């Protein structure tokens, strides 16, 4: 029985882009035991894939903030003991960072990862037993699938979906507008959000505006103030956000992990790009999703409306 440990700790979009790997492994090895080490915030998401045997939570972000705390070293020690209790046929780091390579190294088994020309941080390659060359000029999903296929000795040439479903929030029809992202150059103009939301309200959809920081909450509130019946919810954990996205009639979002999650759930999605390249990090493999814009090009409201109509989402 094949035992595999996947190491992809964060961020949300990267975790979503790694889900097709699990589908690939299950298609080729029906009895494989697949474990996944991931940041604690994303454990509920990884558990949605039925082929995952065990999700191993890590807290690198929290540990770095409290590096001298006794509880931090106690948790790290417990994780090391957990890793050492199992021997894997393959430990595959699809993140390609020094931190993820060090984490993978704590587990027992043969360690696989990107070579120095493929990894996001070339020094990470020195920590693997086997290095694999995967061209960087392709989408993240394809890179992940190619690495794992090379490590396990198969070809990733058949389509593979994310393989997840989630309970749906039940209410009147609504659209989720994901205006928040980590970089200012990825934002869509606020006046565009207002114009689009007014169109969606005119089509009978209530607009929901999630947020994750005080700045994002303020933006949600400003947009909502221009509408007749928008909802700005409280701060939601990933499980509740997943349910919210799963039940939406449509989702429009910038380049952020939640946009990729919505596409993975099969919801009609229009993804907006301005500071990143959708050919490398766009929503991928989802039949009911469209990427608009690109580096230096901001999608117009009319383009978004047309894409939503094409998807049957409004």
C-alpha atoms as a PDB file:
ATOM      1  CA  UNK A   1       0.000   0.000   0.000  1.00  0.00           C
ATOM      2  CA  UNK A   2       1.460   3.321  -1.099  1.00  0.00           C
ATOM      3  CA  UNK A   3       1.885   5.909   1.663  1.00  0.00           C
ATOM      4  CA  UNK A   4       2.351   9.520   0.585  1.00  0.00           C
ATOM      5  CA  UNK A   5       2.817  12.706   2.573  1.00  0.00           C
ATOM      6  CA  UNK A   6       2.102  15.958   0.749  1.00  0.00           C
ATOM      7  CA  UNK A   7       3.597  19.154   2.113  1.00  0.00           C
ATOM      8  CA  UNK A   8       1.808  22.305   0.978  1.00  0.00           C
ATOM      9  CA  UNK A   9       1.219  24.513   3.971  1.00  0.00           C
ATOM     10  CA  UNK A  10      -0.133  27.757   2.521  1.00  0.00           C
ATOM     11  CA  UNK A  11      -1.477  30.059   1.214  1.00  0.00           C
ATOM     12  CA  UNK A  12      -5.158  29.387   0.507  1.00  0.00           C
ATOM     13  CA  UNK A  13      -4.830  29.663  -3.271  1.00  0.00           C
ATOM     14  CA  UNK A  14      -1.764  27.404  -3.254  1.00  0.00           C
ATOM     15  CA  UNK A  15      -3.637  24.827  -1.177  1.00  0.00           C
ATOM     16  CA  UNK A  16      -6.534  24.854  -3.650  1.00  0.00           C
ATOM     17  CA  UNK A  17      -4.087  24.457  -6.531  1.00  0.00           C
ATOM     18  CA  UNK A  18      -2.694  21.349  -4.847  1.00  0.00           C
ATOM     19  CA  UNK A  19      -6.038  19.532  -4.532  1.00  0.00           C
ATOM     20  CA  UNK A  20      -5.918  18.020  -8.062  1.00  0.00           C
ATOM     21  CA  UNK A  21      -2.742  16.196  -6.972  1.00  0.00           C
ATOM     22  CA  UNK A  22      -4.823  14.185  -4.500  1.00  0.00           C
ATOM     23  CA  UNK A  23      -7.290  13.311  -7.248  1.00  0.00           C
ATOM     24  CA  UNK A  24      -4.396  12.216  -9.482  1.00  0.00           C
ATOM     25  CA  UNK A  25      -2.914   9.916  -6.833  1.00  0.00           C
ATOM     26  CA  UNK A  26      -6.267   8.306  -6.055  1.00  0.00           C
ATOM     27  CA  UNK A  27      -6.915   7.688  -9.773  1.00  0.00           C
ATOM     28  CA  UNK A  28      -3.582   5.831 -10.140  1.00  0.00           C
ATOM     29  CA  UNK A  29      -3.365   4.140  -6.725  1.00  0.00           C
ATOM     30  CA  UNK A  30      -6.837   3.271  -5.483  1.00  0.00           C
ATOM     31  CA  UNK A  31      -5.636   2.079  -2.063  1.00  0.00           C
ATOM     32  CA  UNK A  32      -3.046   4.803  -1.433  1.00  0.00           C
ATOM     33  CA  UNK A  33      -2.855   6.395   2.008  1.00  0.00           C
ATOM     34  CA  UNK A  34      -2.508  10.131   1.442  1.00  0.00           C
ATOM     35  CA  UNK A  35      -1.624  12.492   4.284  1.00  0.00           C
ATOM     36  CA  UNK A  36      -1.203  16.263   3.949  1.00  0.00           C
ATOM     37  CA  UNK A  37       0.672  18.731   6.171  1.00  0.00           C
ATOM     38  CA  UNK A  38      -1.008  22.148   5.994  1.00  0.00           C
ATOM     39  CA  UNK A  39      -1.375  25.328   8.036  1.00  0.00           C
ATOM     40  CA  UNK A  40      -3.948  24.901  10.781  1.00  0.00           C
ATOM     41  CA  UNK A  41      -6.336  27.482   9.285  1.00  0.00           C
ATOM     42  CA  UNK A  42      -6.751  25.382   6.130  1.00  0.00           C
ATOM     43  CA  UNK A  43      -7.322  21.989   7.772  1.00  0.00           C
ATOM     44  CA  UNK A  44     -11.128  22.115   7.208  1.00  0.00           C
ATOM     45  CA  UNK A  45     -10.566  22.712   3.489  1.00  0.00           C
ATOM     46  CA  UNK A  46      -8.148  19.806   2.966  1.00  0.00           C
ATOM     47  CA  UNK A  47     -10.512  17.502   4.870  1.00  0.00           C
ATOM     48  CA  UNK A  48     -13.132  18.081   2.177  1.00  0.00           C
ATOM     49  CA  UNK A  49     -11.232  15.811  -0.233  1.00  0.00           C
ATOM     50  CA  UNK A  50     -12.474  12.247   0.351  1.00  0.00           C
ATOM     51  CA  UNK A  51      -9.127  10.673  -0.622  1.00  0.00           C
ATOM     52  CA  UNK A  52      -7.229  12.290   2.257  1.00  0.00           C
ATOM     53  CA  UNK A  53      -6.548   9.868   5.112  1.00  0.00           C
ATOM     54  CA  UNK A  54      -5.104  12.320   7.592  1.00  0.00           C
ATOM     55  CA  UNK A  55      -4.578  16.074   7.707  1.00  0.00           C
ATOM     56  CA  UNK A  56      -1.569  17.109   9.774  1.00  0.00           C
ATOM     57  CA  UNK A  57      -1.956  20.679  11.049  1.00  0.00           C
ATOM     58  CA  UNK A  58       1.123  22.880  11.320  1.00  0.00           C
ATOM     59  CA  UNK A  59       1.330  26.436  12.619  1.00  0.00           C
ATOM     60  CA  UNK A  60       4.463  27.926  11.089  1.00  0.00           C
ATOM     61  CA  UNK A  61       2.922  31.396  10.956  1.00  0.00           C
ATOM     62  CA  UNK A  62       1.936  31.311  14.625  1.00  0.00           C
ATOM     63  CA  UNK A  63       5.182  29.655  15.716  1.00  0.00           C
ATOM     64  CA  UNK A  64       7.318  32.341  14.062  1.00  0.00           C
ATOM     65  CA  UNK A  65       5.419  35.026  15.970  1.00  0.00           C
ATOM     66  CA  UNK A  66       6.021  33.231  19.308  1.00  0.00           C
ATOM     67  CA  UNK A  67       9.334  31.534  18.658  1.00  0.00           C
ATOM     68  CA  UNK A  68      10.553  31.725  22.279  1.00  0.00           C
ATOM     69  CA  UNK A  69       7.301  30.503  23.824  1.00  0.00           C
ATOM     70  CA  UNK A  70       7.271  27.154  25.644  1.00  0.00           C
ATOM     71  CA  UNK A  71       3.994  26.169  23.974  1.00  0.00           C
ATOM     72  CA  UNK A  72       5.558  26.713  20.538  1.00  0.00           C
ATOM     73  CA  UNK A  73       8.381  24.259  21.175  1.00  0.00           C
ATOM     74  CA  UNK A  74       5.972  21.809  22.781  1.00  0.00           C
ATOM     75  CA  UNK A  75       3.825  21.836  19.636  1.00  0.00           C
ATOM     76  CA  UNK A  76       6.867  21.473  17.372  1.00  0.00           C
ATOM     77  CA  UNK A  77       8.032  18.508  19.439  1.00  0.00           C
ATOM     78  CA  UNK A  78       4.622  16.868  19.186  1.00  0.00           C
ATOM     79  CA  UNK A  79       4.660  17.357  15.411  1.00  0.00           C
ATOM     80  CA  UNK A  80       8.110  15.760  15.118  1.00  0.00           C
ATOM     81  CA  UNK A  81       6.925  12.741  17.102  1.00  0.00           C
ATOM     82  CA  UNK A  82       3.859  12.461  14.890  1.00  0.00           C
ATOM     83  CA  UNK A  83       6.005  12.560  11.761  1.00  0.00           C
ATOM     84  CA  UNK A  84       8.490  10.013  13.110  1.00  0.00           C
ATOM     85  CA  UNK A  85       5.715   7.537  13.984  1.00  0.00           C
ATOM     86  CA  UNK A  86       4.996   6.925  10.281  1.00  0.00           C
ATOM     87  CA  UNK A  87       7.238   5.905   7.406  1.00  0.00           C
ATOM     88  CA  UNK A  88       6.179   7.121   3.960  1.00  0.00           C
ATOM     89  CA  UNK A  89       7.057   5.785   0.536  1.00  0.00           C
ATOM     90  CA  UNK A  90       7.216   9.371  -0.713  1.00  0.00           C
ATOM     91  CA  UNK A  91       7.255  12.759   1.006  1.00  0.00           C
ATOM     92  CA  UNK A  92       6.549  15.397  -1.635  1.00  0.00           C
ATOM     93  CA  UNK A  93       7.034  19.108  -1.029  1.00  0.00           C
ATOM     94  CA  UNK A  94       5.025  20.899  -3.713  1.00  0.00           C
ATOM     95  CA  UNK A  95       5.651  24.313  -2.167  1.00  0.00           C
ATOM     96  CA  UNK A  96       9.342  24.641  -2.987  1.00  0.00           C
ATOM     97  CA  UNK A  97      10.279  26.909  -0.090  1.00  0.00           C
ATOM     98  CA  UNK A  98      13.007  26.468   2.506  1.00  0.00           C
ATOM     99  CA  UNK A  99      10.417  26.390   5.302  1.00  0.00           C
ATOM    100  CA  UNK A 100       8.373  23.664   3.595  1.00  0.00           C
ATOM    101  CA  UNK A 101      11.502  21.650   2.752  1.00  0.00           C
ATOM    102  CA  UNK A 102      12.628  21.767   6.392  1.00  0.00           C
ATOM    103  CA  UNK A 103       9.168  20.668   7.483  1.00  0.00           C
ATOM    104  CA  UNK A 104       9.173  17.798   4.996  1.00  0.00           C
ATOM    105  CA  UNK A 105      12.603  16.755   6.220  1.00  0.00           C
ATOM    106  CA  UNK A 106      11.162  16.011   9.658  1.00  0.00           C
ATOM    107  CA  UNK A 107       9.110  13.132   8.218  1.00  0.00           C
ATOM    108  CA  UNK A 108      10.557   9.652   7.593  1.00  0.00           C
ATOM    109  CA  UNK A 109      10.804   8.490   3.998  1.00  0.00           C
ATOM    110  CA  UNK A 110      12.179   9.502   0.622  1.00  0.00           C
ATOM    111  CA  UNK A 111      11.934  13.259   0.099  1.00  0.00           C
ATOM    112  CA  UNK A 112      10.946  14.713  -3.272  1.00  0.00           C
ATOM    113  CA  UNK A 113      10.768  18.315  -4.481  1.00  0.00           C
ATOM    114  CA  UNK A 114      11.535  20.758  -7.255  1.00  0.00           C
ATOM    115  CA  UNK A 115      15.126  21.094  -8.401  1.00  0.00           C
ATOM    116  CA  UNK A 116      17.010  24.377  -7.956  1.00  0.00           C
ATOM    117  CA  UNK A 117      15.850  25.672 -11.332  1.00  0.00           C
ATOM    118  CA  UNK A 118      12.207  24.882 -10.570  1.00  0.00           C
ATOM    119  CA  UNK A 119      11.752  25.719  -6.876  1.00  0.00           C
ATOM    120  CA  UNK A 120      10.546  29.111  -5.723  1.00  0.00           C
ATOM    121  CA  UNK A 121      13.526  29.170  -3.359  1.00  0.00           C
ATOM    122  CA  UNK A 122      16.426  27.291  -5.023  1.00  0.00           C
ATOM    123  CA  UNK A 123      18.149  26.437  -1.723  1.00  0.00           C
ATOM    124  CA  UNK A 124      15.170  24.256  -0.803  1.00  0.00           C
ATOM    125  CA  UNK A 125      16.311  21.707  -3.384  1.00  0.00           C
ATOM    126  CA  UNK A 126      19.340  20.801  -1.245  1.00  0.00           C
ATOM    127  CA  UNK A 127      17.029  19.252   1.352  1.00  0.00           C
ATOM    128  CA  UNK A 128      15.422  16.704  -0.996  1.00  0.00           C
ATOM    129  CA  UNK A 129      16.619  13.169  -1.699  1.00  0.00           C
ATOM    130  CA  UNK A 130      15.236  13.400  -5.243  1.00  0.00           C
ATOM    131  CA  UNK A 131      14.975  16.614  -7.245  1.00  0.00           C
ATOM    132  CA  UNK A 132      12.573  16.985 -10.151  1.00  0.00           C
ATOM    133  CA  UNK A 133      12.743  19.545 -12.921  1.00  0.00           C
ATOM    134  CA  UNK A 134       9.383  21.141 -13.674  1.00  0.00           C
ATOM    135  CA  UNK A 135       9.298  24.190 -15.983  1.00  0.00           C
ATOM    136  CA  UNK A 136       8.236  27.345 -14.162  1.00  0.00           C
ATOM    137  CA  UNK A 137       6.423  28.948 -17.105  1.00  0.00           C
ATOM    138  CA  UNK A 138       3.198  26.981 -16.604  1.00  0.00           C
ATOM    139  CA  UNK A 139       0.211  27.156 -14.329  1.00  0.00           C
ATOM    140  CA  UNK A 140       0.673  26.255 -10.655  1.00  0.00           C
ATOM    141  CA  UNK A 141      -1.776  23.343 -10.935  1.00  0.00           C
ATOM    142  CA  UNK A 142       0.217  21.819 -13.775  1.00  0.00           C
ATOM    143  CA  UNK A 143       3.474  22.262 -11.859  1.00  0.00           C
ATOM    144  CA  UNK A 144       2.099  20.521  -8.785  1.00  0.00           C
ATOM    145  CA  UNK A 145       0.663  17.658 -10.822  1.00  0.00           C
ATOM    146  CA  UNK A 146       3.884  17.239 -12.815  1.00  0.00           C
ATOM    147  CA  UNK A 147       6.053  17.119  -9.689  1.00  0.00           C
ATOM    148  CA  UNK A 148       3.932  14.488  -7.952  1.00  0.00           C
ATOM    149  CA  UNK A 149       3.593  12.434 -11.120  1.00  0.00           C
ATOM    150  CA  UNK A 150       7.369  12.414 -11.535  1.00  0.00           C
ATOM    151  CA  UNK A 151       7.871  11.466  -7.897  1.00  0.00           C
ATOM    152  CA  UNK A 152       5.409   8.556  -8.069  1.00  0.00           C
ATOM    153  CA  UNK A 153       6.182   7.385 -11.595  1.00  0.00           C
ATOM    154  CA  UNK A 154       3.079   8.139 -13.649  1.00  0.00           C
ATOM    155  CA  UNK A 155       1.985  10.662 -16.279  1.00  0.00           C
ATOM    156  CA  UNK A 156      -0.441  13.415 -15.282  1.00  0.00           C
ATOM    157  CA  UNK A 157      -2.048  13.586 -18.707  1.00  0.00           C
ATOM    158  CA  UNK A 158      -5.724  13.058 -17.798  1.00  0.00           C
ATOM    159  CA  UNK A 159      -7.955  15.844 -16.454  1.00  0.00           C
ATOM    160  CA  UNK A 160      -8.144  15.950 -12.661  1.00  0.00           C
ATOM    161  CA  UNK A 161     -10.508  18.123 -10.663  1.00  0.00           C
ATOM    162  CA  UNK A 162     -10.132  19.459  -7.140  1.00  0.00           C
ATOM    163  CA  UNK A 163     -12.461  16.723  -5.881  1.00  0.00           C
ATOM    164  CA  UNK A 164     -14.177  18.688  -3.117  1.00  0.00           C
ATOM    165  CA  UNK A 165     -17.767  19.516  -2.232  1.00  0.00           C
ATOM    166  CA  UNK A 166     -19.082  21.453   0.733  1.00  0.00           C
ATOM    167  CA  UNK A 167     -22.345  22.087   2.579  1.00  0.00           C
ATOM    168  CA  UNK A 168     -24.157  25.113   1.223  1.00  0.00           C
ATOM    169  CA  UNK A 169     -25.428  28.139   3.062  1.00  0.00           C
ATOM    170  CA  UNK A 170     -29.175  28.217   2.365  1.00  0.00           C
ATOM    171  CA  UNK A 171     -30.949  31.530   1.796  1.00  0.00           C
ATOM    172  CA  UNK A 172     -32.317  33.705  -0.977  1.00  0.00           C
ATOM    173  CA  UNK A 173     -30.133  33.946  -4.104  1.00  0.00           C
ATOM    174  CA  UNK A 174     -26.945  35.887  -3.463  1.00  0.00           C
ATOM    175  CA  UNK A 175     -23.641  36.806  -5.062  1.00  0.00           C
ATOM    176  CA  UNK A 176     -20.317  36.968  -3.234  1.00  0.00           C
ATOM    177  CA  UNK A 177     -17.971  39.829  -4.115  1.00  0.00           C
ATOM    178  CA  UNK A 178     -14.353  39.130  -3.152  1.00  0.00           C
ATOM    179  CA  UNK A 179     -12.673  42.520  -3.357  1.00  0.00           C
ATOM    180  CA  UNK A 180      -9.845  41.777  -0.887  1.00  0.00           C
ATOM    181  CA  UNK A 181      -6.333  40.679  -1.783  1.00  0.00           C
ATOM    182  CA  UNK A 182      -2.831  40.872  -0.394  1.00  0.00           C
ATOM    183  CA  UNK A 183      -1.399  43.329  -2.957  1.00  0.00           C
ATOM    184  CA  UNK A 184      -2.630  46.753  -3.948  1.00  0.00           C
ATOM    185  CA  UNK A 185      -1.888  46.118  -7.636  1.00  0.00           C
ATOM    186  CA  UNK A 186      -4.365  43.222  -7.603  1.00  0.00           C
ATOM    187  CA  UNK A 187      -7.310  45.347  -6.431  1.00  0.00           C
ATOM    188  CA  UNK A 188     -10.262  46.179  -8.697  1.00  0.00           C
ATOM    189  CA  UNK A 189     -11.438  49.821  -8.525  1.00  0.00           C
ATOM    190  CA  UNK A 190     -14.005  50.417  -5.807  1.00  0.00           C
ATOM    191  CA  UNK A 191     -16.324  52.293  -8.163  1.00  0.00           C
ATOM    192  CA  UNK A 192     -16.331  49.227 -10.435  1.00  0.00           C
ATOM    193  CA  UNK A 193     -17.498  47.066  -7.524  1.00  0.00           C
ATOM    194  CA  UNK A 194     -20.337  49.486  -6.808  1.00  0.00           C
ATOM    195  CA  UNK A 195     -21.453  49.567 -10.437  1.00  0.00           C
ATOM    196  CA  UNK A 196     -21.318  45.781 -10.748  1.00  0.00           C
ATOM    197  CA  UNK A 197     -23.131  45.237  -7.449  1.00  0.00           C
ATOM    198  CA  UNK A 198     -25.932  47.569  -8.501  1.00  0.00           C
ATOM    199  CA  UNK A 199     -26.351  45.551 -11.686  1.00  0.00           C
ATOM    200  CA  UNK A 200     -26.513  42.324  -9.686  1.00  0.00           C
ATOM    201  CA  UNK A 201     -29.060  43.781  -7.293  1.00  0.00           C
ATOM    202  CA  UNK A 202     -31.129  44.753 -10.312  1.00  0.00           C
ATOM    203  CA  UNK A 203     -31.130  41.091 -11.309  1.00  0.00           C
ATOM    204  CA  UNK A 204     -32.430  39.965  -7.918  1.00  0.00           C
ATOM    205  CA  UNK A 205     -29.169  38.972  -6.255  1.00  0.00           C
ATOM    206  CA  UNK A 206     -28.210  40.155  -2.788  1.00  0.00           C
ATOM    207  CA  UNK A 207     -24.504  41.017  -2.621  1.00  0.00           C
ATOM    208  CA  UNK A 208     -22.367  39.605   0.215  1.00  0.00           C
ATOM    209  CA  UNK A 209     -19.013  41.256   0.928  1.00  0.00           C
ATOM    210  CA  UNK A 210     -16.675  39.175   3.130  1.00  0.00           C
ATOM    211  CA  UNK A 211     -13.528  40.662   4.623  1.00  0.00           C
ATOM    212  CA  UNK A 212     -10.446  39.610   6.559  1.00  0.00           C
ATOM    213  CA  UNK A 213      -8.882  42.808   7.933  1.00  0.00           C
ATOM    214  CA  UNK A 214     -10.050  46.160   9.249  1.00  0.00           C
ATOM    215  CA  UNK A 215      -9.130  47.832   5.968  1.00  0.00           C
ATOM    216  CA  UNK A 216     -11.102  45.245   4.012  1.00  0.00           C
ATOM    217  CA  UNK A 217     -14.083  45.562   6.344  1.00  0.00           C
ATOM    218  CA  UNK A 218     -14.099  49.312   5.749  1.00  0.00           C
ATOM    219  CA  UNK A 219     -14.079  48.743   1.989  1.00  0.00           C
ATOM    220  CA  UNK A 220     -16.938  46.247   2.293  1.00  0.00           C
ATOM    221  CA  UNK A 221     -18.919  48.776   4.315  1.00  0.00           C
ATOM    222  CA  UNK A 222     -18.313  51.567   1.802  1.00  0.00           C
ATOM    223  CA  UNK A 223     -19.470  49.410  -1.098  1.00  0.00           C
ATOM    224  CA  UNK A 224     -22.478  48.160   0.866  1.00  0.00           C
ATOM    225  CA  UNK A 225     -23.493  51.732   1.737  1.00  0.00           C
ATOM    226  CA  UNK A 226     -24.002  52.379  -1.990  1.00  0.00           C
ATOM    227  CA  UNK A 227     -26.408  49.452  -2.321  1.00  0.00           C
ATOM    228  CA  UNK A 228     -29.936  48.820  -1.140  1.00  0.00           C
ATOM    229  CA  UNK A 229     -29.597  45.423   0.588  1.00  0.00           C
ATOM    230  CA  UNK A 230     -25.970  44.263   0.754  1.00  0.00           C
ATOM    231  CA  UNK A 231     -24.622  42.107   3.571  1.00  0.00           C
ATOM    232  CA  UNK A 232     -21.289  42.651   5.310  1.00  0.00           C
ATOM    233  CA  UNK A 233     -20.929  39.548   7.515  1.00  0.00           C
ATOM    234  CA  UNK A 234     -18.711  39.200  10.556  1.00  0.00           C
ATOM    235  CA  UNK A 235     -15.250  37.758  10.121  1.00  0.00           C
ATOM    236  CA  UNK A 236     -15.750  34.159   9.002  1.00  0.00           C
ATOM    237  CA  UNK A 237     -13.511  31.101   9.507  1.00  0.00           C
ATOM    238  CA  UNK A 238     -12.601  29.034   6.456  1.00  0.00           C
ATOM    239  CA  UNK A 239     -15.362  26.450   7.030  1.00  0.00           C
ATOM    240  CA  UNK A 240     -18.054  29.149   7.039  1.00  0.00           C
ATOM    241  CA  UNK A 241     -16.518  30.903   4.056  1.00  0.00           C
ATOM    242  CA  UNK A 242     -16.539  27.616   2.168  1.00  0.00           C
ATOM    243  CA  UNK A 243     -20.242  27.148   2.887  1.00  0.00           C
ATOM    244  CA  UNK A 244     -20.936  30.750   1.863  1.00  0.00           C
ATOM    245  CA  UNK A 245     -19.127  30.313  -1.454  1.00  0.00           C
ATOM    246  CA  UNK A 246     -20.658  26.901  -2.118  1.00  0.00           C
ATOM    247  CA  UNK A 247     -24.196  28.301  -1.936  1.00  0.00           C
ATOM    248  CA  UNK A 248     -23.612  31.413  -4.027  1.00  0.00           C
ATOM    249  CA  UNK A 249     -25.372  31.967  -7.344  1.00  0.00           C
ATOM    250  CA  UNK A 250     -22.175  33.621  -8.548  1.00  0.00           C
ATOM    251  CA  UNK A 251     -18.813  34.832  -7.276  1.00  0.00           C
ATOM    252  CA  UNK A 252     -16.712  37.693  -8.595  1.00  0.00           C
ATOM    253  CA  UNK A 253     -13.262  38.037  -7.094  1.00  0.00           C
ATOM    254  CA  UNK A 254      -9.775  39.370  -7.522  1.00  0.00           C
ATOM    255  CA  UNK A 255      -6.678  37.156  -7.439  1.00  0.00           C
ATOM    256  CA  UNK A 256      -7.160  35.736  -3.961  1.00  0.00           C
ATOM    257  CA  UNK A 257      -7.439  32.276  -2.472  1.00  0.00           C
ATOM    258  CA  UNK A 258     -11.193  32.482  -1.935  1.00  0.00           C
ATOM    259  CA  UNK A 259     -11.748  33.073  -5.653  1.00  0.00           C
ATOM    260  CA  UNK A 260      -9.854  29.866  -6.428  1.00  0.00           C
ATOM    261  CA  UNK A 261     -11.812  28.046  -3.721  1.00  0.00           C
ATOM    262  CA  UNK A 262     -15.124  29.142  -5.247  1.00  0.00           C
ATOM    263  CA  UNK A 263     -14.029  27.826  -8.640  1.00  0.00           C
ATOM    264  CA  UNK A 264     -12.950  24.533  -7.045  1.00  0.00           C
ATOM    265  CA  UNK A 265     -16.436  24.197  -5.571  1.00  0.00           C
ATOM    266  CA  UNK A 266     -17.990  24.475  -9.033  1.00  0.00           C
ATOM    267  CA  UNK A 267     -19.626  27.869  -8.476  1.00  0.00           C
ATOM    268  CA  UNK A 268     -19.872  30.288 -11.440  1.00  0.00           C
ATOM    269  CA  UNK A 269     -16.811  32.506 -10.973  1.00  0.00           C
ATOM    270  CA  UNK A 270     -15.386  35.536 -12.726  1.00  0.00           C
ATOM    271  CA  UNK A 271     -11.798  36.161 -11.599  1.00  0.00           C
ATOM    272  CA  UNK A 272     -10.286  39.608 -12.054  1.00  0.00           C
ATOM    273  CA  UNK A 273      -6.574  40.115 -12.742  1.00  0.00           C
ATOM    274  CA  UNK A 274      -4.556  43.309 -12.965  1.00  0.00           C
ATOM    275  CA  UNK A 275      -1.256  42.732 -11.132  1.00  0.00           C
ATOM    276  CA  UNK A 276      -0.715  39.025 -11.831  1.00  0.00           C
ATOM    277  CA  UNK A 277      -0.835  36.706 -14.825  1.00  0.00           C
ATOM    278  CA  UNK A 278      -3.889  34.408 -15.038  1.00  0.00           C
ATOM    279  CA  UNK A 279      -1.897  32.065 -17.278  1.00  0.00           C
ATOM    280  CA  UNK A 280       0.203  31.209 -14.209  1.00  0.00           C
ATOM    281  CA  UNK A 281      -2.173  31.697 -11.270  1.00  0.00           C
ATOM    282  CA  UNK A 282      -5.667  32.083 -12.727  1.00  0.00           C
ATOM    283  CA  UNK A 283      -8.662  29.934 -11.866  1.00  0.00           C
ATOM    284  CA  UNK A 284      -7.899  26.686 -13.606  1.00  0.00           C
ATOM    285  CA  UNK A 285      -9.778  23.638 -14.791  1.00  0.00           C
ATOM    286  CA  UNK A 286     -13.204  24.902 -13.701  1.00  0.00           C
ATOM    287  CA  UNK A 287     -15.896  24.689 -16.363  1.00  0.00           C
ATOM    288  CA  UNK A 288     -17.921  27.532 -14.863  1.00  0.00           C
ATOM    289  CA  UNK A 289     -15.114  30.055 -14.394  1.00  0.00           C
ATOM    290  CA  UNK A 290     -13.583  32.847 -16.439  1.00  0.00           C
ATOM    291  CA  UNK A 291     -10.398  34.879 -16.023  1.00  0.00           C
ATOM    292  CA  UNK A 292     -10.501  38.526 -17.074  1.00  0.00           C
ATOM    293  CA  UNK A 293      -7.780  41.163 -17.262  1.00  0.00           C
ATOM    294  CA  UNK A 294      -4.058  40.657 -16.797  1.00  0.00           C
ATOM    295  CA  UNK A 295      -0.890  42.491 -15.810  1.00  0.00           C
ATOM    296  CA  UNK A 296      -1.532  46.188 -16.359  1.00  0.00           C
ATOM    297  CA  UNK A 297      -5.043  45.634 -17.783  1.00  0.00           C
ATOM    298  CA  UNK A 298      -8.106  46.201 -15.602  1.00  0.00           C
ATOM    299  CA  UNK A 299     -11.304  44.465 -16.700  1.00  0.00           C
ATOM    300  CA  UNK A 300     -14.284  46.721 -17.335  1.00  0.00           C
ATOM    301  CA  UNK A 301     -17.637  46.274 -15.595  1.00  0.00           C
ATOM    302  CA  UNK A 302     -19.279  45.449 -18.920  1.00  0.00           C
ATOM    303  CA  UNK A 303     -16.806  42.591 -19.461  1.00  0.00           C
ATOM    304  CA  UNK A 304     -17.630  41.122 -16.059  1.00  0.00           C
ATOM    305  CA  UNK A 305     -21.376  41.407 -16.692  1.00  0.00           C
ATOM    306  CA  UNK A 306     -21.005  39.698 -20.061  1.00  0.00           C
ATOM    307  CA  UNK A 307     -18.955  36.868 -18.528  1.00  0.00           C
ATOM    308  CA  UNK A 308     -21.549  36.321 -15.796  1.00  0.00           C
ATOM    309  CA  UNK A 309     -24.290  36.128 -18.418  1.00  0.00           C
ATOM    310  CA  UNK A 310     -22.232  33.675 -20.458  1.00  0.00           C
ATOM    311  CA  UNK A 311     -21.887  31.481 -17.354  1.00  0.00           C
ATOM    312  CA  UNK A 312     -25.631  31.704 -16.659  1.00  0.00           C
ATOM    313  CA  UNK A 313     -24.847  33.248 -13.290  1.00  0.00           C
ATOM    314  CA  UNK A 314     -27.178  36.271 -13.469  1.00  0.00           C
END
